[in-house]
Amino acid sequence: MLVKLDRFQLTCYIKGSVCSAHGKQEIWYRVIDEFIHKFRDDELDFLWWICYRDFWEYYFYNGKCDWATKAYLQALAALNRNNRFIV
């Protein structure tokens, strides 16, 4: 099944997954593996800002790191266009 999501629908999908205990880590691996190569640079910048602004508190609360923090930080690094190499 092929589903097309715009960037706002994708952020709602990510937020729903981040709020659940089971999808908290898996969603970031899906973002890196499946979604990231389908976006233009301006869409990636938007997604990076939304993910940084809205989801930081889910992973760093009371100064403690959550168990899925590594996957979240990897996704933030991958979404940042300054971290990508041109080959």
PDB file of N, CA and C in Angstrom:
ATOM      1  N   MET A   1       0.841  -1.167   0.000  1.00  0.00           N
ATOM      2  CA  MET A   1       0.000   0.000   0.000  1.00  0.00           C
ATOM      3  C   MET A   1       0.893   1.240   0.000  1.00  0.00           C
ATOM      4  N   LEU A   2       0.608   2.153  -0.880  1.00  0.00           N
ATOM      5  CA  LEU A   2       1.368   3.390  -1.007  1.00  0.00           C
ATOM      6  C   LEU A   2       0.551   4.537  -0.422  1.00  0.00           C
ATOM      7  N   VAL A   3       1.136   5.216   0.540  1.00  0.00           N
ATOM      8  CA  VAL A   3       0.461   6.341   1.187  1.00  0.00           C
ATOM      9  C   VAL A   3       1.328   7.574   0.998  1.00  0.00           C
ATOM     10  N   LYS A   4       0.718   8.664   0.571  1.00  0.00           N
ATOM     11  CA  LYS A   4       1.447   9.913   0.411  1.00  0.00           C
ATOM     12  C   LYS A   4       1.080  10.844   1.559  1.00  0.00           C
ATOM     13  N   LEU A   5       2.097  11.334   2.244  1.00  0.00           N
ATOM     14  CA  LEU A   5       1.901  12.260   3.351  1.00  0.00           C
ATOM     15  C   LEU A   5       2.644  13.550   3.051  1.00  0.00           C
ATOM     16  N   ASP A   6       2.036  14.680   3.373  1.00  0.00           N
ATOM     17  CA  ASP A   6       2.798  15.918   3.293  1.00  0.00           C
ATOM     18  C   ASP A   6       3.554  16.091   4.611  1.00  0.00           C
ATOM     19  N   ARG A   7       4.305  17.157   4.721  1.00  0.00           N
ATOM     20  CA  ARG A   7       5.169  17.296   5.900  1.00  0.00           C
ATOM     21  C   ARG A   7       4.378  17.488   7.187  1.00  0.00           C
ATOM     22  N   PHE A   8       3.204  18.078   7.107  1.00  0.00           N
ATOM     23  CA  PHE A   8       2.393  18.255   8.311  1.00  0.00           C
ATOM     24  C   PHE A   8       1.779  16.927   8.762  1.00  0.00           C
ATOM     25  N   GLN A   9       1.329  16.132   7.825  1.00  0.00           N
ATOM     26  CA  GLN A   9       0.789  14.814   8.158  1.00  0.00           C
ATOM     27  C   GLN A   9       1.880  13.907   8.715  1.00  0.00           C
ATOM     28  N   LEU A  10       3.088  14.018   8.162  1.00  0.00           N
ATOM     29  CA  LEU A  10       4.197  13.210   8.664  1.00  0.00           C
ATOM     30  C   LEU A  10       4.551  13.593  10.094  1.00  0.00           C
ATOM     31  N   THR A  11       4.526  14.881  10.413  1.00  0.00           N
ATOM     32  CA  THR A  11       4.823  15.275  11.790  1.00  0.00           C
ATOM     33  C   THR A  11       3.752  14.774  12.757  1.00  0.00           C
ATOM     34  N   CYS A  12       2.505  14.727  12.332  1.00  0.00           N
ATOM     35  CA  CYS A  12       1.442  14.143  13.174  1.00  0.00           C
ATOM     36  C   CYS A  12       1.675  12.650  13.371  1.00  0.00           C
ATOM     37  N   TYR A  13       2.096  11.973  12.324  1.00  0.00           N
ATOM     38  CA  TYR A  13       2.412  10.540  12.415  1.00  0.00           C
ATOM     39  C   TYR A  13       3.578  10.306  13.376  1.00  0.00           C
ATOM     40  N   ILE A  14       4.606  11.128  13.269  1.00  0.00           N
ATOM     41  CA  ILE A  14       5.763  10.995  14.159  1.00  0.00           C
ATOM     42  C   ILE A  14       5.352  11.277  15.595  1.00  0.00           C
ATOM     43  N   LYS A  15       4.565  12.328  15.808  1.00  0.00           N
ATOM     44  CA  LYS A  15       4.139  12.662  17.176  1.00  0.00           C
ATOM     45  C   LYS A  15       3.324  11.534  17.794  1.00  0.00           C
ATOM     46  N   GLY A  16       2.446  10.920  17.020  1.00  0.00           N
ATOM     47  CA  GLY A  16       1.678   9.789  17.531  1.00  0.00           C
ATOM     48  C   GLY A  16       2.559   8.613  17.896  1.00  0.00           C
ATOM     49  N   SER A  17       3.610   8.397  17.125  1.00  0.00           N
ATOM     50  CA  SER A  17       4.519   7.287  17.416  1.00  0.00           C
ATOM     51  C   SER A  17       5.416   7.591  18.601  1.00  0.00           C
ATOM     52  N   VAL A  18       5.848   8.838  18.728  1.00  0.00           N
ATOM     53  CA  VAL A  18       6.732   9.216  19.828  1.00  0.00           C
ATOM     54  C   VAL A  18       6.012   9.111  21.165  1.00  0.00           C
ATOM     55  N   CYS A  19       4.730   9.406  21.177  1.00  0.00           N
ATOM     56  CA  CYS A  19       3.966   9.358  22.428  1.00  0.00           C
ATOM     57  C   CYS A  19       3.698   7.939  22.905  1.00  0.00           C
ATOM     58  N   SER A  20       3.808   6.967  22.022  1.00  0.00           N
ATOM     59  CA  SER A  20       3.584   5.583  22.448  1.00  0.00           C
ATOM     60  C   SER A  20       4.901   4.961  22.901  1.00  0.00           C
ATOM     61  N   ALA A  21       4.824   4.040  23.804  1.00  0.00           N
ATOM     62  CA  ALA A  21       6.031   3.413  24.335  1.00  0.00           C
ATOM     63  C   ALA A  21       6.724   2.537  23.303  1.00  0.00           C
ATOM     64  N   HIS A  22       5.964   1.876  22.467  1.00  0.00           N
ATOM     65  CA  HIS A  22       6.561   0.934  21.520  1.00  0.00           C
ATOM     66  C   HIS A  22       7.141   1.616  20.287  1.00  0.00           C
ATOM     67  N   GLY A  23       6.578   2.735  19.887  1.00  0.00           N
ATOM     68  CA  GLY A  23       7.049   3.395  18.678  1.00  0.00           C
ATOM     69  C   GLY A  23       8.095   4.458  18.908  1.00  0.00           C
ATOM     70  N   LYS A  24       8.445   4.683  20.154  1.00  0.00           N
ATOM     71  CA  LYS A  24       9.324   5.786  20.523  1.00  0.00           C
ATOM     72  C   LYS A  24      10.701   5.705  19.877  1.00  0.00           C
ATOM     73  N   GLN A  25      11.223   4.526  19.732  1.00  0.00           N
ATOM     74  CA  GLN A  25      12.535   4.343  19.126  1.00  0.00           C
ATOM     75  C   GLN A  25      12.419   3.974  17.653  1.00  0.00           C
ATOM     76  N   GLU A  26      11.461   3.154  17.315  1.00  0.00           N
ATOM     77  CA  GLU A  26      11.331   2.635  15.953  1.00  0.00           C
ATOM     78  C   GLU A  26      11.019   3.727  14.932  1.00  0.00           C
ATOM     79  N   ILE A  27      10.272   4.743  15.325  1.00  0.00           N
ATOM     80  CA  ILE A  27       9.898   5.782  14.371  1.00  0.00           C
ATOM     81  C   ILE A  27      11.113   6.500  13.820  1.00  0.00           C
ATOM     82  N   TRP A  28      12.141   6.697  14.631  1.00  0.00           N
ATOM     83  CA  TRP A  28      13.318   7.428  14.155  1.00  0.00           C
ATOM     84  C   TRP A  28      14.118   6.606  13.154  1.00  0.00           C
ATOM     85  N   TYR A  29      14.170   5.300  13.347  1.00  0.00           N
ATOM     86  CA  TYR A  29      14.835   4.452  12.357  1.00  0.00           C
ATOM     87  C   TYR A  29      14.062   4.458  11.041  1.00  0.00           C
ATOM     88  N   ARG A  30      12.746   4.515  11.112  1.00  0.00           N
ATOM     89  CA  ARG A  30      11.938   4.603   9.888  1.00  0.00           C
ATOM     90  C   ARG A  30      12.148   5.945   9.196  1.00  0.00           C
ATOM     91  N   VAL A  31      12.257   7.016   9.964  1.00  0.00           N
ATOM     92  CA  VAL A  31      12.511   8.331   9.374  1.00  0.00           C
ATOM     93  C   VAL A  31      13.831   8.310   8.613  1.00  0.00           C
ATOM     94  N   ILE A  32      14.869   7.750   9.216  1.00  0.00           N
ATOM     95  CA  ILE A  32      16.188   7.706   8.580  1.00  0.00           C
ATOM     96  C   ILE A  32      16.183   6.784   7.369  1.00  0.00           C
ATOM     97  N   ASP A  33      15.634   5.601   7.503  1.00  0.00           N
ATOM     98  CA  ASP A  33      15.725   4.596   6.442  1.00  0.00           C
ATOM     99  C   ASP A  33      14.724   4.800   5.313  1.00  0.00           C
ATOM    100  N   GLU A  34      13.512   5.213   5.620  1.00  0.00           N
ATOM    101  CA  GLU A  34      12.454   5.232   4.614  1.00  0.00           C
ATOM    102  C   GLU A  34      12.065   6.624   4.121  1.00  0.00           C
ATOM    103  N   PHE A  35      12.072   7.610   4.993  1.00  0.00           N
ATOM    104  CA  PHE A  35      11.493   8.894   4.636  1.00  0.00           C
ATOM    105  C   PHE A  35      12.497   9.944   4.185  1.00  0.00           C
ATOM    106  N   ILE A  36      13.680   9.925   4.727  1.00  0.00           N
ATOM    107  CA  ILE A  36      14.593  11.056   4.586  1.00  0.00           C
ATOM    108  C   ILE A  36      15.003  11.330   3.142  1.00  0.00           C
ATOM    109  N   HIS A  37      15.163  10.309   2.346  1.00  0.00           N
ATOM    110  CA  HIS A  37      15.622  10.510   0.966  1.00  0.00           C
ATOM    111  C   HIS A  37      14.503  11.000   0.038  1.00  0.00           C
ATOM    112  N   LYS A  38      13.284  11.066   0.527  1.00  0.00           N
ATOM    113  CA  LYS A  38      12.151  11.486  -0.297  1.00  0.00           C
ATOM    114  C   LYS A  38      11.848  12.982  -0.186  1.00  0.00           C
ATOM    115  N   PHE A  39      12.573  13.689   0.664  1.00  0.00           N
ATOM    116  CA  PHE A  39      12.289  15.097   0.915  1.00  0.00           C
ATOM    117  C   PHE A  39      13.309  16.020   0.268  1.00  0.00           C
ATOM    118  N   ARG A  40      12.845  17.218  -0.077  1.00  0.00           N
ATOM    119  CA  ARG A  40      13.742  18.273  -0.544  1.00  0.00           C
ATOM    120  C   ARG A  40      14.409  18.907   0.676  1.00  0.00           C
ATOM    121  N   ASP A  41      15.420  19.741   0.429  1.00  0.00           N
ATOM    122  CA  ASP A  41      16.154  20.368   1.529  1.00  0.00           C
ATOM    123  C   ASP A  41      15.268  21.253   2.399  1.00  0.00           C
ATOM    124  N   ASP A  42      14.366  22.016   1.795  1.00  0.00           N
ATOM    125  CA  ASP A  42      13.501  22.879   2.606  1.00  0.00           C
ATOM    126  C   ASP A  42      12.541  22.062   3.464  1.00  0.00           C
ATOM    127  N   GLU A  43      12.092  20.924   2.969  1.00  0.00           N
ATOM    128  CA  GLU A  43      11.227  20.046   3.759  1.00  0.00           C
ATOM    129  C   GLU A  43      12.004  19.389   4.895  1.00  0.00           C
ATOM    130  N   LEU A  44      13.258  19.034   4.625  1.00  0.00           N
ATOM    131  CA  LEU A  44      14.090  18.459   5.683  1.00  0.00           C
ATOM    132  C   LEU A  44      14.385  19.483   6.770  1.00  0.00           C
ATOM    133  N   ASP A  45      14.616  20.728   6.369  1.00  0.00           N
ATOM    134  CA  ASP A  45      14.830  21.786   7.361  1.00  0.00           C
ATOM    135  C   ASP A  45      13.600  21.972   8.238  1.00  0.00           C
ATOM    136  N   PHE A  46      12.426  21.969   7.616  1.00  0.00           N
ATOM    137  CA  PHE A  46      11.179  22.082   8.368  1.00  0.00           C
ATOM    138  C   PHE A  46      11.024  20.904   9.334  1.00  0.00           C
ATOM    139  N   LEU A  47      11.260  19.699   8.842  1.00  0.00           N
ATOM    140  CA  LEU A  47      11.114  18.506   9.671  1.00  0.00           C
ATOM    141  C   LEU A  47      12.126  18.501  10.813  1.00  0.00           C
ATOM    142  N   TRP A  48      13.359  18.935  10.533  1.00  0.00           N
ATOM    143  CA  TRP A  48      14.377  19.012  11.588  1.00  0.00           C
ATOM    144  C   TRP A  48      13.928  19.981  12.678  1.00  0.00           C
ATOM    145  N   TRP A  49      13.443  21.160  12.289  1.00  0.00           N
ATOM    146  CA  TRP A  49      13.031  22.151  13.277  1.00  0.00           C
ATOM    147  C   TRP A  49      11.856  21.648  14.115  1.00  0.00           C
ATOM    148  N   ILE A  50      10.872  21.041  13.478  1.00  0.00           N
ATOM    149  CA  ILE A  50       9.717  20.519  14.209  1.00  0.00           C
ATOM    150  C   ILE A  50      10.142  19.404  15.158  1.00  0.00           C
ATOM    151  N   CYS A  51      10.985  18.509  14.688  1.00  0.00           N
ATOM    152  CA  CYS A  51      11.439  17.397  15.540  1.00  0.00           C
ATOM    153  C   CYS A  51      12.262  17.908  16.710  1.00  0.00           C
ATOM    154  N   TYR A  52      13.080  18.912  16.468  1.00  0.00           N
ATOM    155  CA  TYR A  52      13.872  19.487  17.554  1.00  0.00           C
ATOM    156  C   TYR A  52      12.981  20.232  18.537  1.00  0.00           C
ATOM    157  N   ARG A  53      12.101  21.053  18.044  1.00  0.00           N
ATOM    158  CA  ARG A  53      11.258  21.895  18.899  1.00  0.00           C
ATOM    159  C   ARG A  53      10.235  21.094  19.697  1.00  0.00           C
ATOM    160  N   ASP A  54       9.574  20.149  19.035  1.00  0.00           N
ATOM    161  CA  ASP A  54       8.437  19.483  19.663  1.00  0.00           C
ATOM    162  C   ASP A  54       8.778  18.209  20.426  1.00  0.00           C
ATOM    163  N   PHE A  55       9.843  17.533  20.042  1.00  0.00           N
ATOM    164  CA  PHE A  55      10.100  16.216  20.623  1.00  0.00           C
ATOM    165  C   PHE A  55      11.276  16.174  21.581  1.00  0.00           C
ATOM    166  N   TRP A  56      12.013  17.258  21.739  1.00  0.00           N
ATOM    167  CA  TRP A  56      13.177  17.270  22.623  1.00  0.00           C
ATOM    168  C   TRP A  56      12.778  16.905  24.052  1.00  0.00           C
ATOM    169  N   GLU A  57      11.669  17.432  24.508  1.00  0.00           N
ATOM    170  CA  GLU A  57      11.234  17.186  25.890  1.00  0.00           C
ATOM    171  C   GLU A  57      10.819  15.738  26.134  1.00  0.00           C
ATOM    172  N   TYR A  58      10.444  15.014  25.079  1.00  0.00           N
ATOM    173  CA  TYR A  58      10.100  13.606  25.253  1.00  0.00           C
ATOM    174  C   TYR A  58      11.322  12.758  25.595  1.00  0.00           C
ATOM    175  N   TYR A  59      12.487  13.200  25.169  1.00  0.00           N
ATOM    176  CA  TYR A  59      13.695  12.404  25.346  1.00  0.00           C
ATOM    177  C   TYR A  59      14.631  12.950  26.411  1.00  0.00           C
ATOM    178  N   PHE A  60      14.571  14.238  26.686  1.00  0.00           N
ATOM    179  CA  PHE A  60      15.405  14.847  27.717  1.00  0.00           C
ATOM    180  C   PHE A  60      14.497  15.561  28.708  1.00  0.00           C
ATOM    181  N   TYR A  61      14.012  14.847  29.688  1.00  0.00           N
ATOM    182  CA  TYR A  61      13.162  15.455  30.697  1.00  0.00           C
ATOM    183  C   TYR A  61      13.823  15.291  32.055  1.00  0.00           C
ATOM    184  N   ASN A  62      13.766  16.326  32.854  1.00  0.00           N
ATOM    185  CA  ASN A  62      14.397  16.362  34.174  1.00  0.00           C
ATOM    186  C   ASN A  62      15.884  16.047  34.111  1.00  0.00           C
ATOM    187  N   GLY A  63      16.521  16.406  33.004  1.00  0.00           N
ATOM    188  CA  GLY A  63      17.954  16.167  32.865  1.00  0.00           C
ATOM    189  C   GLY A  63      18.333  14.725  32.620  1.00  0.00           C
ATOM    190  N   LYS A  64      17.351  13.848  32.441  1.00  0.00           N
ATOM    191  CA  LYS A  64      17.627  12.428  32.226  1.00  0.00           C
ATOM    192  C   LYS A  64      17.398  12.076  30.766  1.00  0.00           C
ATOM    193  N   CYS A  65      18.206  11.152  30.278  1.00  0.00           N
ATOM    194  CA  CYS A  65      18.036  10.668  28.910  1.00  0.00           C
ATOM    195  C   CYS A  65      17.076   9.494  28.906  1.00  0.00           C
ATOM    196  N   ASP A  66      16.234   9.473  27.921  1.00  0.00           N
ATOM    197  CA  ASP A  66      15.302   8.372  27.739  1.00  0.00           C
ATOM    198  C   ASP A  66      16.016   7.217  27.051  1.00  0.00           C
ATOM    199  N   TRP A  67      15.437   6.029  27.071  1.00  0.00           N
ATOM    200  CA  TRP A  67      16.078   4.855  26.469  1.00  0.00           C
ATOM    201  C   TRP A  67      16.106   4.916  24.952  1.00  0.00           C
ATOM    202  N   ALA A  68      15.295   5.765  24.339  1.00  0.00           N
ATOM    203  CA  ALA A  68      15.277   5.886  22.880  1.00  0.00           C
ATOM    204  C   ALA A  68      15.984   7.152  22.402  1.00  0.00           C
ATOM    205  N   THR A  69      16.734   7.786  23.278  1.00  0.00           N
ATOM    206  CA  THR A  69      17.377   9.051  22.952  1.00  0.00           C
ATOM    207  C   THR A  69      18.390   8.916  21.826  1.00  0.00           C
ATOM    208  N   LYS A  70      19.129   7.827  21.795  1.00  0.00           N
ATOM    209  CA  LYS A  70      20.153   7.639  20.760  1.00  0.00           C
ATOM    210  C   LYS A  70      19.523   7.648  19.368  1.00  0.00           C
ATOM    211  N   ALA A  71      18.417   6.968  19.185  1.00  0.00           N
ATOM    212  CA  ALA A  71      17.744   6.936  17.884  1.00  0.00           C
ATOM    213  C   ALA A  71      17.231   8.327  17.512  1.00  0.00           C
ATOM    214  N   TYR A  72      16.719   9.060  18.477  1.00  0.00           N
ATOM    215  CA  TYR A  72      16.240  10.420  18.232  1.00  0.00           C
ATOM    216  C   TYR A  72      17.378  11.333  17.790  1.00  0.00           C
ATOM    217  N   LEU A  73      18.513  11.267  18.481  1.00  0.00           N
ATOM    218  CA  LEU A  73      19.654  12.104  18.125  1.00  0.00           C
ATOM    219  C   LEU A  73      20.230  11.730  16.765  1.00  0.00           C
ATOM    220  N   GLN A  74      20.211  10.448  16.428  1.00  0.00           N
ATOM    221  CA  GLN A  74      20.658  10.025  15.097  1.00  0.00           C
ATOM    222  C   GLN A  74      19.748  10.606  14.018  1.00  0.00           C
ATOM    223  N   ALA A  75      18.455  10.604  14.259  1.00  0.00           N
ATOM    224  CA  ALA A  75      17.518  11.164  13.285  1.00  0.00           C
ATOM    225  C   ALA A  75      17.710  12.669  13.145  1.00  0.00           C
ATOM    226  N   LEU A  76      17.920  13.375  14.255  1.00  0.00           N
ATOM    227  CA  LEU A  76      18.171  14.813  14.169  1.00  0.00           C
ATOM    228  C   LEU A  76      19.435  15.102  13.375  1.00  0.00           C
ATOM    229  N   ALA A  77      20.471  14.311  13.597  1.00  0.00           N
ATOM    230  CA  ALA A  77      21.718  14.495  12.847  1.00  0.00           C
ATOM    231  C   ALA A  77      21.511  14.210  11.365  1.00  0.00           C
ATOM    232  N   ALA A  78      20.731  13.195  11.046  1.00  0.00           N
ATOM    233  CA  ALA A  78      20.484  12.851   9.643  1.00  0.00           C
ATOM    234  C   ALA A  78      19.601  13.888   8.955  1.00  0.00           C
ATOM    235  N   LEU A  79      18.688  14.494   9.680  1.00  0.00           N
ATOM    236  CA  LEU A  79      17.810  15.510   9.098  1.00  0.00           C
ATOM    237  C   LEU A  79      18.522  16.839   8.862  1.00  0.00           C
ATOM    238  N   ASN A  80      19.600  17.085   9.582  1.00  0.00           N
ATOM    239  CA  ASN A  80      20.346  18.327   9.417  1.00  0.00           C
ATOM    240  C   ASN A  80      21.113  18.288   8.104  1.00  0.00           C
ATOM    241  N   ARG A  81      20.837  19.226   7.229  1.00  0.00           N
ATOM    242  CA  ARG A  81      21.454  19.179   5.896  1.00  0.00           C
ATOM    243  C   ARG A  81      22.959  19.418   5.944  1.00  0.00           C
ATOM    244  N   ASN A  82      23.483  20.021   6.981  1.00  0.00           N
ATOM    245  CA  ASN A  82      24.925  20.235   7.108  1.00  0.00           C
ATOM    246  C   ASN A  82      25.677  18.952   7.441  1.00  0.00           C
ATOM    247  N   ASN A  83      24.975  17.913   7.818  1.00  0.00           N
ATOM    248  CA  ASN A  83      25.614  16.642   8.152  1.00  0.00           C
ATOM    249  C   ASN A  83      25.632  15.660   6.994  1.00  0.00           C
ATOM    250  N   ARG A  84      25.064  16.029   5.866  1.00  0.00           N
ATOM    251  CA  ARG A  84      25.019  15.115   4.724  1.00  0.00           C
ATOM    252  C   ARG A  84      26.202  15.331   3.812  1.00  0.00           C
ATOM    253  N   PHE A  85      26.700  14.232   3.245  1.00  0.00           N
ATOM    254  CA  PHE A  85      27.824  14.303   2.316  1.00  0.00           C
ATOM    255  C   PHE A  85      27.307  14.235   0.890  1.00  0.00           C
ATOM    256  N   ILE A  86      27.941  14.962  -0.004  1.00  0.00           N
ATOM    257  CA  ILE A  86      27.641  14.869  -1.427  1.00  0.00           C
ATOM    258  C   ILE A  86      28.760  14.065  -2.059  1.00  0.00           C
ATOM    259  N   VAL A  87      28.400  12.962  -2.668  1.00  0.00           N
ATOM    260  CA  VAL A  87      29.413  12.071  -3.254  1.00  0.00           C
ATOM    261  C   VAL A  87      29.377  12.196  -4.757  1.00  0.00           C
TER     262      VAL A  87
END
